[in-house]
Amino acid sequence: SDLSAGISGEVVHVDGGFNIAAMNELELK
């Protein structure tokens, strides 16, 4: 998320992974 991007690169990496996983679930369902 944008908020995480302002906190740290590690948070962005993890947050981005969760966002991608959520998008994949929505598309599959």
Protein backbone atom coordinates (compact mmCIF):
# COMPACT_ATOMS: atom_id res chain seq x y z
CA SER A 1 0.00 0.00 0.00
CA ASP A 2 1.05 3.64 -0.33
CA LEU A 3 1.15 4.04 3.47
CA SER A 4 3.52 1.07 3.79
CA ALA A 5 5.72 2.52 1.04
CA GLY A 6 6.47 5.48 3.32
CA ILE A 7 7.43 3.20 6.21
CA SER A 8 10.02 0.75 4.85
CA GLY A 9 10.96 -1.34 1.82
CA GLU A 10 10.43 -4.57 3.76
CA VAL A 11 6.86 -3.63 4.64
CA VAL A 12 6.18 -2.73 1.00
CA HIS A 13 7.50 -6.12 -0.15
CA VAL A 14 5.31 -8.05 2.30
CA ASP A 15 2.27 -5.81 1.83
CA GLY A 16 2.60 -6.11 -1.96
CA GLY A 17 2.71 -9.90 -1.70
CA PHE A 18 -0.52 -9.98 0.28
CA ASN A 19 -2.21 -7.62 -2.20
CA ILE A 20 -1.22 -9.85 -5.12
CA ALA A 21 -2.50 -12.96 -3.30
CA ALA A 22 -5.83 -11.27 -2.56
CA MET A 23 -6.21 -10.21 -6.20
CA ASN A 24 -5.51 -13.75 -7.40
CA GLU A 25 -8.15 -15.16 -5.03
CA LEU A 26 -10.77 -12.69 -6.28
CA GLU A 27 -9.99 -13.52 -9.91
CA LEU A 28 -10.13 -17.28 -9.31
CA LYS A 29 -13.43 -17.02 -7.47
